[in-house]
Amino acid sequence: MSSNAAPRTQPPPATPAAVTAAAPAPDSAPPRRWPAVTVRAPARPAPAAALHSIAAATTVLLGLVAIGALIHEPVLIPPLAASAALVHSAPTLPLAQPRNLVIGHLAGSAVGYAVLAAAGSSAWAAAVAAGLTLGLNMVARTPHSPAVATAVIIVLQTPAPGRFIPLLFGATVLLVLTGYAASRVRRKARSYPVYWW
């Protein structure tokens, strides 16, 4: 080999367009790729914000207990406690908005009573009511996870609809109103609701 020979050079790297052009056409569309998103737990709230949310949720739940004591009817049911937690700790989520909260619970009660009438009170029927409520709320664009539990409670505890539904409706409206009021009391609080309907 002569020392006067020109040095060998590497070809330039292929550009993405050149690689794409050289690649054979796939038989089917390429799989959809989702953008890379870093998912982390939410930031810890400031102590004042946490105290505000806890106080507001506890106050409205105590109010429901007081109403129940006055009328000798249980108004505070576990799904409403879960709804209060959503409204006061995650007021910007779609699940917490008034449309979802009120209509979601009413849809859950309708499904619960329908399944109760058709299949009676059993854990099997309660599971079916939960699934149907989830489906109905998705179709109605009113997803609210505590409403699924409302349907289950109706099937398992068989409350009288003439008293239960008006109390449920009144309680959901009260949750919305207290969420609205609590978001206006503290200046730095996140505004609730994001949308009404």
Protein backbone atom coordinates (compact mmCIF):
# COMPACT_ATOMS: atom_id res chain seq x y z
CA MET A 1 0.00 0.00 0.00
CA SER A 2 1.44 3.33 -1.05
CA SER A 3 1.80 6.09 1.50
CA ASN A 4 0.57 8.55 -1.14
CA ALA A 5 -2.88 6.91 -1.32
CA ALA A 6 -5.80 9.13 -0.34
CA PRO A 7 -7.24 8.34 3.08
CA ARG A 8 -10.51 6.45 3.11
CA THR A 9 -13.50 8.47 4.25
CA GLN A 10 -16.66 7.22 5.90
CA PRO A 11 -19.92 7.94 4.10
CA PRO A 12 -22.04 10.60 5.82
CA PRO A 13 -24.72 9.25 8.18
CA ALA A 14 -28.11 8.80 6.61
CA THR A 15 -30.67 11.46 7.37
CA PRO A 16 -34.07 10.39 8.76
CA ALA A 17 -35.67 11.22 5.40
CA ALA A 18 -33.15 9.01 3.58
CA VAL A 19 -33.71 6.14 6.02
CA THR A 20 -37.48 6.46 5.58
CA ALA A 21 -37.17 6.55 1.81
CA ALA A 22 -34.90 3.49 1.81
CA ALA A 23 -37.09 1.45 4.14
CA PRO A 24 -39.60 -0.86 2.50
CA ALA A 25 -43.24 0.16 2.80
CA PRO A 26 -44.92 -1.69 5.67
CA ASP A 27 -47.90 -3.93 5.01
CA SER A 28 -49.96 -2.07 7.59
CA ALA A 29 -49.89 1.30 9.28
CA PRO A 30 -47.13 1.68 11.88
CA PRO A 31 -48.21 1.42 15.52
CA ARG A 32 -49.24 4.70 17.06
CA ARG A 33 -46.61 6.12 19.35
CA TRP A 34 -47.68 8.24 22.29
CA PRO A 35 -45.55 11.22 23.20
CA ALA A 36 -43.20 10.65 26.09
CA VAL A 37 -44.82 12.08 29.20
CA THR A 38 -43.30 12.02 32.64
CA VAL A 39 -45.96 10.91 35.07
CA ARG A 40 -45.49 11.66 38.72
CA ALA A 41 -47.59 11.94 41.82
CA PRO A 42 -49.10 15.39 42.28
CA ALA A 43 -47.15 17.93 44.27
CA ARG A 44 -47.89 18.09 47.97
CA PRO A 45 -50.31 20.97 48.62
CA ALA A 46 -49.30 23.89 50.74
CA PRO A 47 -50.38 23.47 54.39
CA ALA A 48 -52.91 26.31 54.11
CA ALA A 49 -54.46 24.80 50.96
CA ALA A 50 -54.66 21.33 52.53
CA LEU A 51 -56.23 22.70 55.70
CA HIS A 52 -58.74 24.67 53.63
CA SER A 53 -59.78 21.58 51.62
CA ILE A 54 -60.02 19.37 54.70
CA ALA A 55 -62.05 21.95 56.63
CA ALA A 56 -64.44 22.54 53.73
CA ALA A 57 -65.03 18.82 53.08
CA THR A 58 -65.50 18.06 56.78
CA THR A 59 -67.91 20.98 57.20
CA VAL A 60 -70.19 19.88 54.36
CA LEU A 61 -70.16 16.26 55.55
CA LEU A 62 -71.03 17.34 59.08
CA GLY A 63 -73.84 19.39 57.54
CA LEU A 64 -75.21 16.26 55.85
CA VAL A 65 -75.06 14.41 59.18
CA ALA A 66 -76.92 17.27 60.88
CA ILE A 67 -79.63 17.28 58.21
CA GLY A 68 -80.00 13.53 58.61
CA ALA A 69 -80.31 13.86 62.38
CA LEU A 70 -83.02 16.52 62.01
CA ILE A 71 -85.15 14.48 59.64
CA HIS A 72 -84.28 11.09 61.20
CA GLU A 73 -83.00 9.79 57.87
CA PRO A 74 -79.40 8.98 56.98
CA VAL A 75 -78.26 11.50 54.39
CA LEU A 76 -74.52 10.93 54.58
CA ILE A 77 -73.70 7.84 52.54
CA PRO A 78 -70.18 6.75 51.57
CA PRO A 79 -70.48 7.85 47.92
CA LEU A 80 -71.26 11.41 49.01
CA ALA A 81 -68.15 11.45 51.21
CA ALA A 82 -66.14 10.39 48.15
CA SER A 83 -67.81 13.12 46.09
CA ALA A 84 -66.94 15.72 48.73
CA ALA A 85 -63.32 14.56 48.63
CA LEU A 86 -63.25 15.04 44.84
CA VAL A 87 -64.84 18.48 44.96
CA HIS A 88 -62.55 19.80 47.69
CA SER A 89 -59.26 18.11 46.87
CA ALA A 90 -59.39 17.97 43.05
CA PRO A 91 -61.83 20.71 42.00
CA THR A 92 -60.51 20.96 38.44
CA LEU A 93 -61.02 17.30 37.52
CA PRO A 94 -63.96 16.51 35.23
CA LEU A 95 -65.16 13.96 37.82
CA ALA A 96 -65.70 16.78 40.32
CA GLN A 97 -67.75 19.13 38.12
CA PRO A 98 -71.43 19.80 38.97
CA ARG A 99 -72.79 18.10 35.86
CA ASN A 100 -70.88 14.92 36.65
CA LEU A 101 -71.61 14.98 40.35
CA VAL A 102 -75.37 15.61 40.25
CA ILE A 103 -76.29 13.74 37.06
CA GLY A 104 -73.84 10.95 37.85
CA HIS A 105 -75.49 10.19 41.21
CA LEU A 106 -78.99 10.46 39.77
CA ALA A 107 -78.05 8.07 36.97
CA GLY A 108 -76.57 5.70 39.55
CA SER A 109 -79.77 5.78 41.56
CA ALA A 110 -81.90 5.14 38.46
CA VAL A 111 -79.78 2.14 37.50
CA GLY A 112 -79.72 0.89 41.08
CA TYR A 113 -83.50 0.91 41.40
CA ALA A 114 -83.95 -0.61 37.93
CA VAL A 115 -81.61 -3.50 38.73
CA LEU A 116 -83.20 -3.91 42.16
CA ALA A 117 -86.64 -4.22 40.54
CA ALA A 118 -85.41 -6.66 37.90
CA ALA A 119 -83.05 -8.86 39.89
CA GLY A 120 -83.63 -8.22 43.58
CA SER A 121 -81.08 -7.45 46.25
CA SER A 122 -77.88 -9.46 46.01
CA ALA A 123 -74.17 -8.92 45.60
CA TRP A 124 -74.47 -10.26 42.05
CA ALA A 125 -77.12 -7.69 41.18
CA ALA A 126 -75.09 -4.94 42.85
CA ALA A 127 -72.09 -5.78 40.68
CA VAL A 128 -74.25 -5.59 37.55
CA ALA A 129 -75.69 -2.25 38.71
CA ALA A 130 -72.17 -0.90 39.20
CA GLY A 131 -71.13 -1.85 35.68
CA LEU A 132 -74.30 -0.48 34.12
CA THR A 133 -73.92 2.79 36.01
CA LEU A 134 -70.37 3.16 34.79
CA GLY A 135 -71.52 2.58 31.21
CA LEU A 136 -74.45 4.98 31.46
CA ASN A 137 -72.29 7.72 32.93
CA MET A 138 -69.71 7.27 30.19
CA VAL A 139 -72.36 7.51 27.48
CA ALA A 140 -73.93 10.55 29.15
CA ARG A 141 -70.50 12.20 29.49
CA THR A 142 -70.96 12.44 33.25
CA PRO A 143 -68.31 10.12 34.71
CA HIS A 144 -68.34 10.27 38.50
CA SER A 145 -66.88 7.21 40.23
CA PRO A 146 -68.77 7.65 43.55
CA ALA A 147 -72.04 7.36 41.59
CA VAL A 148 -71.16 3.73 40.85
CA ALA A 149 -71.14 3.13 44.60
CA THR A 150 -74.55 4.80 44.88
CA ALA A 151 -76.03 2.12 42.61
CA VAL A 152 -74.40 -0.60 44.72
CA ILE A 153 -75.79 0.86 47.96
CA ILE A 154 -79.30 1.02 46.50
CA VAL A 155 -79.22 -2.63 45.44
CA LEU A 156 -77.75 -3.87 48.73
CA GLN A 157 -79.63 -1.65 51.21
CA THR A 158 -82.93 -1.15 49.30
CA PRO A 159 -83.77 2.38 50.55
CA ALA A 160 -87.23 3.75 49.78
CA PRO A 161 -86.90 5.73 46.52
CA GLY A 162 -89.43 8.38 47.54
CA ARG A 163 -87.12 9.54 50.32
CA PHE A 164 -83.71 8.48 49.04
CA ILE A 165 -83.72 10.21 45.64
CA PRO A 166 -84.79 13.68 46.85
CA LEU A 167 -82.23 13.48 49.68
CA LEU A 168 -79.54 12.36 47.26
CA PHE A 169 -80.36 15.18 44.86
CA GLY A 170 -80.37 17.76 47.66
CA ALA A 171 -77.07 16.46 49.03
CA THR A 172 -75.34 16.63 45.63
CA VAL A 173 -76.55 20.20 45.11
CA LEU A 174 -75.28 21.09 48.59
CA LEU A 175 -71.87 19.60 47.74
CA VAL A 176 -71.71 21.73 44.61
CA LEU A 177 -72.73 24.90 46.44
CA THR A 178 -70.23 24.39 49.24
CA GLY A 179 -67.51 23.66 46.69
CA TYR A 180 -68.37 26.91 44.94
CA ALA A 181 -68.40 28.87 48.20
CA ALA A 182 -65.18 27.34 49.52
CA SER A 183 -63.32 28.20 46.32
CA ARG A 184 -64.34 31.85 46.75
CA VAL A 185 -63.45 32.13 50.46
CA ARG A 186 -59.73 31.54 50.06
CA ARG A 187 -58.16 33.91 47.56
CA LYS A 188 -55.55 31.45 46.26
CA ALA A 189 -57.93 28.50 46.05
CA ARG A 190 -58.52 26.88 42.67
CA SER A 191 -61.79 28.07 41.17
CA TYR A 192 -64.72 25.66 41.30
CA PRO A 193 -66.45 24.70 39.14
CA VAL A 194 -64.46 24.69 35.93
CA TYR A 195 -67.77 24.32 34.08
CA TRP A 196 -71.37 23.97 35.22
CA TRP A 197 -72.87 21.87 32.43
